[in-house]
Amino acid sequence: MKEIKRIVLTGGPCAGKTTALVRVIEHFSSRGYKVFTLPEVPTMFTQAGMNYLTPNKAFFYEGEKATLEIQLALEDKFLKMAQACEEPCVIVCDRGTMDISAYMQPELWERLCKDVGYTTQQLRDDRYDAVLHLVSAADGAEQFYTTSNNASRNEAADEQGLAIARMLDKKVIEAWAGHSHLRVINNQEDFNRKLNRVLKEISHVLGLPQPIEEERKYIVEITGELPDCIESEITQTYLVAEPGAEVRLRRRGWQGKYVNVLTTKTRISPTEQLETERQVTSNIYRTMLQQADPYRHTITKNRKSFIWKGQYFELDTYKDRLEGLMILETKGIVNHEDVNFPPFLNVKEDITGNTAYYNYNLALK
């Protein structure tokens, strides 16, 4: 049976999802893929009479339950349709199951999951191959924020509305935190670059060769208080691999939960590489550790992920033999674009492209 990829396109208010979906259809249809795009269920429900701001708790719960049930049904039915197609397929969901959890209390979400017969892990980790979060224009691109293109949007285009939109943006990212292929797509000075990043990330999931690009990295020190961020502990082990390939086994833990991901990078030309990722069970993870590269240490580090002025950052604080090393990595900031360095960090050195600071080389014994 052919492989079918399921991808969630999500984000805060006024993030550009609608435009991105059109570009995704055009781009991948022209490359021989059958592209299915599932509509945003909460918008359908709002247009049909659902009020997600109702004070009626029973009405709210039944509406959210119906939203989740229809979301699941749509995804399952379109998967059946994709399985009947002869061409390769990609299913792109305009928001996914975990978006619903961002708009309710954790206890109510757990009750909802139990009533529909799923766990949070099943809904977040097992249904989708990737989650692409487009950052709201309310964070770093305020001049482009508008509510005119979505009559169902409740956040006004004023300072209070922008603050609400930023808060919702972060809550949605937190809801998906833990998915093995969560990617946050920054705002860009040119919106087309934001869309091109979406196409690149989907191409990566589909296993299409991608240009080798250096994410910008800096050695930093903390000089102030960090904003709300997602904290996780990462254990990274490199495995024995064929020449020209890099195989990484990573365990990421947060809030007592863990996800294991096997990543393989293979350079197919001086300018292109093929990167594949797959989630593995804890049993397989422990078995694969026996293939650890004897010439490399295991890397352990604490990661703090956050958005600052529309740009997404990962701050890694290394442990054990690399104690004291702190590296800030940007995500999706093009070479000519300025980095919005947060005021609570002091940049000590730009190490972009410095191979000595690649994790693969930092692990050398």
Protein backbone atom coordinates (compact mmCIF):
# COMPACT_ATOMS: atom_id res chain seq x y z
CA MET A 1 0.00 0.00 0.00
CA LYS A 2 1.29 3.46 -0.87
CA GLU A 3 2.23 5.84 1.91
CA ILE A 4 -0.26 8.61 2.69
CA LYS A 5 0.93 11.62 4.67
CA ARG A 6 -1.38 13.54 6.99
CA ILE A 7 -0.37 17.07 7.93
CA VAL A 8 -1.95 19.66 10.22
CA LEU A 9 -1.73 23.31 9.24
CA THR A 10 -2.49 25.35 12.33
CA GLY A 11 -1.66 28.67 13.93
CA GLY A 12 -2.98 31.65 15.84
CA PRO A 13 -5.45 34.19 14.47
CA CYS A 14 -4.53 35.80 11.14
CA ALA A 15 -1.56 33.50 10.50
CA GLY A 16 -2.09 32.99 6.76
CA LYS A 17 -3.44 29.43 6.78
CA THR A 18 -6.08 30.05 4.09
CA THR A 19 -3.54 31.45 1.63
CA ALA A 20 -1.08 28.70 2.51
CA LEU A 21 -3.64 26.00 1.75
CA VAL A 22 -4.19 27.41 -1.73
CA ARG A 23 -0.43 27.45 -2.37
CA VAL A 24 -0.08 23.86 -1.06
CA ILE A 25 -2.78 22.60 -3.45
CA GLU A 26 -1.20 24.34 -6.45
CA HIS A 27 2.37 23.32 -5.63
CA PHE A 28 1.92 19.63 -4.89
CA SER A 29 -0.85 18.97 -7.41
CA SER A 30 1.53 20.12 -10.12
CA ARG A 31 4.05 17.55 -8.82
CA GLY A 32 1.71 14.60 -9.22
CA TYR A 33 0.17 14.43 -5.73
CA LYS A 34 -3.51 14.16 -4.97
CA VAL A 35 -4.02 16.83 -2.33
CA PHE A 36 -6.96 16.67 0.05
CA THR A 37 -7.60 19.74 2.22
CA LEU A 38 -9.97 19.33 5.14
CA PRO A 39 -11.97 22.41 6.20
CA GLU A 40 -11.69 24.07 9.60
CA VAL A 41 -14.44 22.39 11.62
CA PRO A 42 -14.90 25.12 14.30
CA THR A 43 -15.55 27.68 11.55
CA MET A 44 -18.15 25.36 9.99
CA PHE A 45 -19.82 24.99 13.38
CA THR A 46 -19.77 28.72 14.09
CA GLN A 47 -21.38 29.46 10.75
CA ALA A 48 -24.01 26.82 11.53
CA GLY A 49 -24.93 28.41 14.89
CA MET A 50 -22.45 27.12 17.46
CA ASN A 51 -21.32 29.72 20.00
CA TYR A 52 -17.94 28.80 21.49
CA LEU A 53 -18.15 31.80 23.86
CA THR A 54 -21.47 30.74 25.38
CA PRO A 55 -21.79 30.81 29.20
CA ASN A 56 -23.96 27.67 28.91
CA LYS A 57 -21.50 24.98 30.00
CA ALA A 58 -23.60 22.06 28.77
CA PHE A 59 -24.06 23.66 25.35
CA PHE A 60 -20.32 24.45 25.16
CA TYR A 61 -19.33 20.89 26.02
CA GLU A 62 -21.71 19.28 23.53
CA GLY A 63 -20.49 21.68 20.85
CA GLU A 64 -16.82 20.89 21.52
CA LYS A 65 -17.57 17.17 21.63
CA ALA A 66 -19.37 17.37 18.29
CA THR A 67 -16.46 19.42 16.88
CA LEU A 68 -13.95 16.72 17.84
CA GLU A 69 -16.16 13.90 16.57
CA ILE A 70 -16.66 15.56 13.19
CA GLN A 71 -12.94 16.36 12.96
CA LEU A 72 -12.09 12.70 13.54
CA ALA A 73 -14.77 11.50 11.12
CA LEU A 74 -13.59 13.82 8.36
CA GLU A 75 -9.99 12.74 8.77
CA ASP A 76 -10.90 9.05 8.76
CA LYS A 77 -13.18 9.31 5.71
CA PHE A 78 -10.63 11.24 3.68
CA LEU A 79 -7.98 8.69 4.63
CA LYS A 80 -10.23 5.99 3.13
CA MET A 81 -10.62 8.07 -0.02
CA ALA A 82 -6.87 8.57 -0.27
CA GLN A 83 -6.30 4.83 0.06
CA ALA A 84 -8.49 4.33 -3.01
CA CYS A 85 -6.42 6.72 -5.14
CA GLU A 86 -3.68 5.50 -7.45
CA GLU A 87 -1.47 8.59 -7.20
CA PRO A 88 0.50 9.55 -4.05
CA CYS A 89 -1.67 11.49 -1.60
CA VAL A 90 -1.25 14.12 1.06
CA ILE A 91 -4.05 15.12 3.43
CA VAL A 92 -3.77 18.64 4.85
CA CYS A 93 -6.04 19.46 7.79
CA ASP A 94 -6.99 23.08 8.46
CA ARG A 95 -6.36 22.68 12.18
CA GLY A 96 -6.36 19.32 13.93
CA THR A 97 -7.67 17.56 17.01
CA MET A 98 -5.36 19.22 19.54
CA ASP A 99 -6.40 22.74 18.53
CA ILE A 100 -9.67 22.06 20.33
CA SER A 101 -7.81 21.50 23.62
CA ALA A 102 -6.27 24.98 23.46
CA TYR A 103 -9.68 26.56 24.06
CA MET A 104 -10.72 24.66 27.21
CA GLN A 105 -9.51 23.71 30.66
CA PRO A 106 -7.28 20.59 30.85
CA GLU A 107 -9.79 18.73 33.03
CA LEU A 108 -12.58 19.30 30.51
CA TRP A 109 -10.32 18.17 27.67
CA GLU A 110 -9.50 14.94 29.50
CA ARG A 111 -13.20 14.30 30.01
CA LEU A 112 -13.83 14.97 26.33
CA CYS A 113 -11.09 12.55 25.26
CA LYS A 114 -12.52 9.85 27.50
CA ASP A 115 -16.03 10.36 26.10
CA VAL A 116 -14.86 9.96 22.49
CA GLY A 117 -12.59 7.01 23.32
CA TYR A 118 -9.15 8.49 22.72
CA THR A 119 -6.15 9.63 24.72
CA THR A 120 -4.29 12.91 24.22
CA GLN A 121 -1.26 10.97 22.99
CA GLN A 122 -3.32 9.18 20.35
CA LEU A 123 -4.86 12.42 19.11
CA ARG A 124 -1.60 14.36 19.08
CA ASP A 125 1.13 11.87 18.21
CA ASP A 126 -0.44 9.01 16.27
CA ARG A 127 -2.70 10.64 13.69
CA TYR A 128 -0.44 13.12 11.89
CA ASP A 129 2.95 12.96 10.22
CA ALA A 130 3.64 16.66 10.84
CA VAL A 131 2.17 19.73 12.49
CA LEU A 132 3.02 23.10 10.94
CA HIS A 133 2.17 26.08 13.12
CA LEU A 134 2.03 29.47 11.38
CA VAL A 135 2.72 32.28 13.85
CA SER A 136 -0.08 34.83 14.13
CA ALA A 137 0.48 38.20 12.46
CA ALA A 138 -0.36 39.62 15.90
CA ASP A 139 3.16 38.66 16.97
CA GLY A 140 5.80 40.46 14.93
CA ALA A 141 3.69 41.44 11.90
CA GLU A 142 1.01 43.55 13.57
CA GLN A 143 0.63 45.84 10.55
CA PHE A 144 -0.81 42.90 8.62
CA TYR A 145 -3.20 41.72 11.34
CA THR A 146 -6.84 41.89 10.29
CA THR A 147 -10.15 40.27 11.18
CA SER A 148 -11.86 41.13 7.89
CA ASN A 149 -11.01 37.82 6.22
CA ASN A 150 -12.78 35.68 8.83
CA ALA A 151 -16.20 36.68 10.08
CA SER A 152 -15.97 34.05 12.82
CA ARG A 153 -12.91 35.63 14.44
CA ASN A 154 -13.53 37.22 17.84
CA GLU A 155 -10.19 39.03 18.41
CA ALA A 156 -10.38 42.72 17.55
CA ALA A 157 -7.55 44.43 15.67
CA ASP A 158 -6.67 46.65 18.64
CA GLU A 159 -4.03 46.29 21.35
CA GLN A 160 -6.25 44.14 23.54
CA GLY A 161 -7.21 41.96 20.57
CA LEU A 162 -3.56 41.57 19.57
CA ALA A 163 -2.69 40.45 23.10
CA ILE A 164 -5.48 37.85 23.00
CA ALA A 165 -4.30 36.64 19.59
CA ARG A 166 -0.71 36.23 20.86
CA MET A 167 -1.98 34.30 23.87
CA LEU A 168 -4.04 31.96 21.68
CA ASP A 169 -1.04 31.48 19.40
CA LYS A 170 1.10 30.25 22.29
CA LYS A 171 -1.68 28.04 23.68
CA VAL A 172 -2.03 26.26 20.33
CA ILE A 173 1.75 25.63 20.17
CA GLU A 174 1.66 24.27 23.73
CA ALA A 175 -1.23 21.96 22.78
CA TRP A 176 0.90 20.37 20.05
CA ALA A 177 4.16 20.35 22.04
CA GLY A 178 5.44 16.81 22.07
CA HIS A 179 4.58 15.93 18.51
CA SER A 180 7.71 14.53 16.90
CA HIS A 181 7.46 16.82 13.86
CA LEU A 182 6.10 20.12 15.17
CA ARG A 183 7.49 23.01 13.14
CA VAL A 184 6.80 26.67 13.92
CA ILE A 185 6.73 28.92 10.83
CA ASN A 186 7.87 32.47 11.57
CA ASN A 187 6.40 35.65 10.24
CA GLN A 188 8.55 37.05 7.44
CA GLU A 189 9.00 40.53 5.97
CA ASP A 190 7.83 39.00 2.69
CA PHE A 191 4.77 36.76 3.20
CA ASN A 192 5.82 34.60 0.25
CA ARG A 193 8.83 33.44 2.26
CA LYS A 194 6.48 32.25 4.99
CA LEU A 195 4.52 30.28 2.39
CA ASN A 196 7.72 28.86 0.88
CA ARG A 197 8.72 27.57 4.32
CA VAL A 198 5.40 25.72 4.51
CA LEU A 199 6.08 24.11 1.12
CA LYS A 200 9.59 23.19 2.21
CA GLU A 201 8.41 21.51 5.42
CA ILE A 202 5.75 19.50 3.58
CA SER A 203 8.33 18.50 0.96
CA HIS A 204 10.51 17.27 3.80
CA VAL A 205 7.68 15.12 5.16
CA LEU A 206 7.07 13.69 1.69
CA GLY A 207 10.71 12.64 1.49
CA LEU A 208 11.66 15.04 -1.31
CA PRO A 209 15.32 16.21 -1.43
CA GLN A 210 15.83 19.65 0.08
CA PRO A 211 18.55 22.31 -0.26
CA ILE A 212 21.04 22.31 2.61
CA GLU A 213 20.37 25.43 4.67
CA GLU A 214 22.10 26.60 7.82
CA GLU A 215 19.87 27.68 10.68
CA ARG A 216 21.42 30.68 12.39
CA LYS A 217 23.05 29.83 15.72
CA TYR A 218 24.63 31.90 18.48
CA ILE A 219 26.45 31.30 21.75
CA VAL A 220 24.53 33.32 24.32
CA GLU A 221 24.11 33.94 28.02
CA ILE A 222 20.92 34.72 29.91
CA THR A 223 20.80 38.25 31.34
CA GLY A 224 17.12 38.53 32.29
CA GLU A 225 13.86 36.66 32.79
CA LEU A 226 12.67 34.46 29.93
CA PRO A 227 9.06 34.69 28.70
CA ASP A 228 6.62 31.80 28.85
CA CYS A 229 8.31 28.95 27.03
CA ILE A 230 8.01 25.23 26.44
CA GLU A 231 10.70 23.38 28.40
CA SER A 232 11.95 19.92 27.51
CA GLU A 233 14.86 17.62 28.27
CA ILE A 234 16.68 16.12 25.29
CA THR A 235 18.94 13.08 25.18
CA GLN A 236 20.63 12.65 21.80
CA THR A 237 22.61 9.58 20.74
CA TYR A 238 24.34 9.11 17.39
CA LEU A 239 24.28 5.63 15.88
CA VAL A 240 26.77 3.84 13.66
CA ALA A 241 25.95 4.79 10.05
CA GLU A 242 27.13 4.39 6.48
CA PRO A 243 29.63 6.97 5.12
CA GLY A 244 27.83 10.14 4.08
CA ALA A 245 24.92 9.52 6.45
CA GLU A 246 24.12 10.77 9.94
CA VAL A 247 21.74 8.80 12.14
CA ARG A 248 20.44 10.38 15.34
CA LEU A 249 18.28 8.85 18.06
CA ARG A 250 16.61 11.47 20.22
CA ARG A 251 14.47 11.19 23.33
CA ARG A 252 12.58 14.33 24.27
CA GLY A 253 10.81 14.58 27.61
CA TRP A 254 8.49 17.23 29.03
CA GLN A 255 5.97 17.11 31.89
CA GLY A 256 6.86 13.48 32.55
CA LYS A 257 6.08 12.36 28.99
CA TYR A 258 8.56 11.18 26.38
CA VAL A 259 8.77 10.86 22.60
CA ASN A 260 11.53 9.05 20.70
CA VAL A 261 12.52 10.02 17.16
CA LEU A 262 14.97 8.41 14.75
CA THR A 263 16.40 10.88 12.21
CA THR A 264 18.53 9.99 9.20
CA LYS A 265 20.31 12.63 7.10
CA THR A 266 21.88 11.59 3.81
CA ARG A 267 23.72 14.04 1.58
CA ILE A 268 22.85 13.32 -2.05
CA SER A 269 24.84 16.20 -3.58
CA PRO A 270 27.03 19.08 -2.36
CA THR A 271 23.91 21.25 -2.01
CA GLU A 272 21.08 18.79 -1.25
CA GLN A 273 20.26 16.27 1.43
CA LEU A 274 17.48 13.82 2.18
CA GLU A 275 16.22 13.82 5.76
CA THR A 276 13.76 11.31 7.18
CA GLU A 277 12.21 11.09 10.63
CA ARG A 278 10.14 8.44 12.31
CA GLN A 279 8.85 8.02 15.81
CA VAL A 280 9.88 4.82 17.59
CA THR A 281 8.55 3.06 20.67
CA SER A 282 10.46 2.99 23.95
CA ASN A 283 11.31 -0.68 23.40
CA ILE A 284 12.77 0.02 19.95
CA TYR A 285 14.58 3.06 21.37
CA ARG A 286 16.32 0.95 24.00
CA THR A 287 17.21 -1.70 21.42
CA MET A 288 18.67 0.85 19.01
CA LEU A 289 20.88 2.31 21.72
CA GLN A 290 23.00 -0.81 21.28
CA GLN A 291 24.01 0.64 17.89
CA ALA A 292 25.45 3.80 19.46
CA ASP A 293 28.54 5.21 17.75
CA PRO A 294 31.46 4.28 20.06
CA TYR A 295 33.34 7.41 18.99
CA ARG A 296 30.65 9.83 20.18
CA HIS A 297 29.24 10.81 23.55
CA THR A 298 25.54 11.06 24.20
CA ILE A 299 24.45 14.69 24.34
CA THR A 300 22.03 15.87 27.02
CA LYS A 301 20.54 19.34 27.13
CA ASN A 302 17.63 21.41 28.37
CA ARG A 303 15.62 23.19 25.66
CA LYS A 304 13.46 26.27 26.05
CA SER A 305 11.33 27.08 22.98
CA PHE A 306 9.62 30.45 22.61
CA ILE A 307 8.41 33.12 20.18
CA TRP A 308 9.82 36.64 20.33
CA LYS A 309 8.46 39.34 18.01
CA GLY A 310 7.13 36.80 15.54
CA GLN A 311 10.32 34.71 15.39
CA TYR A 312 10.72 31.23 16.86
CA PHE A 313 13.77 30.34 18.95
CA GLU A 314 15.20 27.29 20.67
CA LEU A 315 17.58 27.90 23.56
CA ASP A 316 19.67 24.83 24.43
CA THR A 317 21.59 24.61 27.70
CA TYR A 318 24.04 21.71 27.53
CA LYS A 319 24.83 19.38 30.42
CA ASP A 320 27.53 16.94 31.54
CA ARG A 321 30.82 17.39 29.66
CA LEU A 322 29.44 20.42 27.76
CA GLU A 323 28.20 22.11 30.94
CA GLY A 324 28.00 25.89 30.54
CA LEU A 325 27.50 25.92 26.76
CA MET A 326 24.32 27.74 25.78
CA ILE A 327 23.28 27.92 22.12
CA LEU A 328 20.39 29.92 20.68
CA GLU A 329 19.07 28.64 17.36
CA THR A 330 16.66 30.50 15.10
CA LYS A 331 14.11 28.71 12.96
CA GLY A 332 13.32 29.74 9.40
CA ILE A 333 15.00 33.17 9.44
CA VAL A 334 16.52 33.82 6.02
CA ASN A 335 20.06 35.12 5.63
CA HIS A 336 19.25 38.74 4.83
CA GLU A 337 16.56 39.04 7.52
CA ASP A 338 17.39 40.62 10.87
CA VAL A 339 17.14 38.45 13.97
CA ASN A 340 14.93 39.94 16.70
CA PHE A 341 17.26 39.08 19.56
CA PRO A 342 15.40 39.07 22.90
CA PRO A 343 16.63 41.62 25.46
CA PHE A 344 17.05 38.91 28.12
CA LEU A 345 19.87 37.26 26.13
CA ASN A 346 23.40 38.49 25.45
CA VAL A 347 24.89 37.25 22.15
CA LYS A 348 28.53 36.31 22.66
CA GLU A 349 29.35 34.73 19.28
CA ASP A 350 27.72 34.00 15.92
CA ILE A 351 28.44 30.32 15.19
CA THR A 352 26.23 29.92 12.11
CA GLY A 353 27.89 27.42 9.79
CA ASN A 354 30.69 26.69 12.28
CA THR A 355 30.93 22.90 12.02
CA ALA A 356 32.68 22.64 15.39
CA TYR A 357 29.31 23.45 17.00
CA TYR A 358 27.24 20.93 15.08
CA ASN A 359 25.79 18.49 17.62
CA TYR A 360 27.32 15.66 15.59
CA ASN A 361 30.78 17.12 16.22
CA LEU A 362 30.13 18.25 19.78
CA ALA A 363 29.49 14.59 20.55
CA LEU A 364 32.97 13.47 19.43
CA LYS A 365 35.07 11.77 22.10
